[in-house]
Amino acid sequence: WLRVFPIFLLRMRRSPCINEWAILKAARAEEV
């Protein structure tokens, strides 16, 4: 998920969303 992290940060800066955080947690759980 390291590849998606930078893109995720850019998206968060544009428009922070709770849904995005949920996706981030899901991605983390899948990778780890």
PDB file of N, CA and C in Angstrom:
ATOM      1  N   TRP A   1       0.847  -1.205   0.000  1.00  0.00           N
ATOM      2  CA  TRP A   1       0.000   0.000   0.000  1.00  0.00           C
ATOM      3  C   TRP A   1       0.882   1.255   0.000  1.00  0.00           C
ATOM      4  N   LEU A   2       2.197   1.053   0.026  1.00  0.00           N
ATOM      5  CA  LEU A   2       3.113   2.210   0.015  1.00  0.00           C
ATOM      6  C   LEU A   2       2.951   3.004  -1.276  1.00  0.00           C
ATOM      7  N   ARG A   3       2.630   2.305  -2.357  1.00  0.00           N
ATOM      8  CA  ARG A   3       2.477   3.012  -3.646  1.00  0.00           C
ATOM      9  C   ARG A   3       1.261   3.925  -3.632  1.00  0.00           C
ATOM     10  N   VAL A   4       0.218   3.487  -2.980  1.00  0.00           N
ATOM     11  CA  VAL A   4      -1.025   4.277  -2.963  1.00  0.00           C
ATOM     12  C   VAL A   4      -0.965   5.400  -1.933  1.00  0.00           C
ATOM     13  N   PHE A   5      -0.080   5.248  -0.938  1.00  0.00           N
ATOM     14  CA  PHE A   5      -0.028   6.240   0.143  1.00  0.00           C
ATOM     15  C   PHE A   5       0.163   7.666  -0.362  1.00  0.00           C
ATOM     16  N   PRO A   6       1.199   7.955  -1.174  1.00  0.00           N
ATOM     17  CA  PRO A   6       1.410   9.330  -1.669  1.00  0.00           C
ATOM     18  C   PRO A   6       0.190   9.853  -2.412  1.00  0.00           C
ATOM     19  N   ILE A   7      -0.407   9.015  -3.224  1.00  0.00           N
ATOM     20  CA  ILE A   7      -1.596   9.448  -3.978  1.00  0.00           C
ATOM     21  C   ILE A   7      -2.729   9.758  -2.999  1.00  0.00           C
ATOM     22  N   PHE A   8      -2.820   8.922  -1.968  1.00  0.00           N
ATOM     23  CA  PHE A   8      -3.870   9.124  -0.974  1.00  0.00           C
ATOM     24  C   PHE A   8      -3.692  10.459  -0.266  1.00  0.00           C
ATOM     25  N   LEU A   9      -2.447  10.778   0.062  1.00  0.00           N
ATOM     26  CA  LEU A   9      -2.165  12.050   0.737  1.00  0.00           C
ATOM     27  C   LEU A   9      -2.583  13.212  -0.151  1.00  0.00           C
ATOM     28  N   LEU A  10      -2.269  13.122  -1.435  1.00  0.00           N
ATOM     29  CA  LEU A  10      -2.625  14.203  -2.359  1.00  0.00           C
ATOM     30  C   LEU A  10      -4.140  14.360  -2.392  1.00  0.00           C
ATOM     31  N   ARG A  11      -4.839  13.245  -2.425  1.00  0.00           N
ATOM     32  CA  ARG A  11      -6.307  13.302  -2.461  1.00  0.00           C
ATOM     33  C   ARG A  11      -6.832  13.933  -1.174  1.00  0.00           C
ATOM     34  N   MET A  12      -6.233  13.541  -0.049  1.00  0.00           N
ATOM     35  CA  MET A  12      -6.684  14.066   1.233  1.00  0.00           C
ATOM     36  C   MET A  12      -6.501  15.579   1.284  1.00  0.00           C
ATOM     37  N   ARG A  13      -5.408  16.048   0.739  1.00  0.00           N
ATOM     38  CA  ARG A  13      -5.165  17.497   0.754  1.00  0.00           C
ATOM     39  C   ARG A  13      -6.237  18.204  -0.068  1.00  0.00           C
ATOM     40  N   ARG A  14      -6.632  17.590  -1.156  1.00  0.00           N
ATOM     41  CA  ARG A  14      -7.650  18.220  -2.023  1.00  0.00           C
ATOM     42  C   ARG A  14      -9.007  18.218  -1.323  1.00  0.00           C
ATOM     43  N   SER A  15      -9.423  17.056  -0.871  1.00  0.00           N
ATOM     44  CA  SER A  15     -10.741  16.964  -0.220  1.00  0.00           C
ATOM     45  C   SER A  15     -10.740  15.833   0.805  1.00  0.00           C
ATOM     46  N   PRO A  16     -10.424  16.151   2.044  1.00  0.00           N
ATOM     47  CA  PRO A  16     -10.423  15.150   3.116  1.00  0.00           C
ATOM     48  C   PRO A  16     -11.818  14.577   3.343  1.00  0.00           C
ATOM     49  N   CYS A  17     -11.897  13.262   3.380  1.00  0.00           N
ATOM     50  CA  CYS A  17     -13.206  12.634   3.552  1.00  0.00           C
ATOM     51  C   CYS A  17     -13.091  11.476   4.543  1.00  0.00           C
ATOM     52  N   ILE A  18     -14.136  11.248   5.296  1.00  0.00           N
ATOM     53  CA  ILE A  18     -14.115  10.127   6.253  1.00  0.00           C
ATOM     54  C   ILE A  18     -14.074   8.814   5.476  1.00  0.00           C
ATOM     55  N   ASN A  19     -14.748   8.796   4.318  1.00  0.00           N
ATOM     56  CA  ASN A  19     -14.758   7.581   3.503  1.00  0.00           C
ATOM     57  C   ASN A  19     -13.340   7.216   3.092  1.00  0.00           C
ATOM     58  N   GLU A  20     -12.538   8.235   2.765  1.00  0.00           N
ATOM     59  CA  GLU A  20     -11.151   7.972   2.344  1.00  0.00           C
ATOM     60  C   GLU A  20     -10.393   7.312   3.488  1.00  0.00           C
ATOM     61  N   TRP A  21     -10.635   7.771   4.710  1.00  0.00           N
ATOM     62  CA  TRP A  21      -9.960   7.173   5.865  1.00  0.00           C
ATOM     63  C   TRP A  21     -10.358   5.713   5.998  1.00  0.00           C
ATOM     64  N   ALA A  22     -11.632   5.423   5.746  1.00  0.00           N
ATOM     65  CA  ALA A  22     -12.108   4.034   5.832  1.00  0.00           C
ATOM     66  C   ALA A  22     -11.370   3.176   4.808  1.00  0.00           C
ATOM     67  N   ILE A  23     -11.192   3.736   3.598  1.00  0.00           N
ATOM     68  CA  ILE A  23     -10.480   3.008   2.542  1.00  0.00           C
ATOM     69  C   ILE A  23      -9.037   2.788   2.973  1.00  0.00           C
ATOM     70  N   LEU A  24      -8.448   3.802   3.579  1.00  0.00           N
ATOM     71  CA  LEU A  24      -7.059   3.694   4.023  1.00  0.00           C
ATOM     72  C   LEU A  24      -6.928   2.579   5.056  1.00  0.00           C
ATOM     73  N   LYS A  25      -7.859   2.530   5.985  1.00  0.00           N
ATOM     74  CA  LYS A  25      -7.815   1.476   7.009  1.00  0.00           C
ATOM     75  C   LYS A  25      -7.960   0.106   6.354  1.00  0.00           C
ATOM     76  N   ALA A  26      -8.857   0.002   5.389  1.00  0.00           N
ATOM     77  CA  ALA A  26      -9.069  -1.278   4.703  1.00  0.00           C
ATOM     78  C   ALA A  26      -7.797  -1.693   3.970  1.00  0.00           C
ATOM     79  N   ALA A  27      -7.173  -0.740   3.293  1.00  0.00           N
ATOM     80  CA  ALA A  27      -5.942  -1.039   2.550  1.00  0.00           C
ATOM     81  C   ALA A  27      -4.865  -1.495   3.529  1.00  0.00           C
ATOM     82  N   ARG A  28      -4.794  -0.841   4.662  1.00  0.00           N
ATOM     83  CA  ARG A  28      -3.783  -1.200   5.674  1.00  0.00           C
ATOM     84  C   ARG A  28      -4.027  -2.622   6.161  1.00  0.00           C
ATOM     85  N   ALA A  29      -5.267  -2.940   6.457  1.00  0.00           N
ATOM     86  CA  ALA A  29      -5.594  -4.279   6.964  1.00  0.00           C
ATOM     87  C   ALA A  29      -5.244  -5.341   5.916  1.00  0.00           C
ATOM     88  N   GLU A  30      -5.513  -5.037   4.648  1.00  0.00           N
ATOM     89  CA  GLU A  30      -5.219  -6.011   3.583  1.00  0.00           C
ATOM     90  C   GLU A  30      -3.723  -6.229   3.443  1.00  0.00           C
ATOM     91  N   GLU A  31      -2.967  -5.133   3.416  1.00  0.00           N
ATOM     92  CA  GLU A  31      -1.510  -5.249   3.237  1.00  0.00           C
ATOM     93  C   GLU A  31      -0.885  -5.946   4.439  1.00  0.00           C
ATOM     94  N   VAL A  32      -1.251  -5.484   5.640  1.00  0.00           N
ATOM     95  CA  VAL A  32      -0.654  -6.069   6.847  1.00  0.00           C
ATOM     96  C   VAL A  32      -1.430  -7.332   7.224  1.00  0.00           C
TER      97      VAL A  32
END
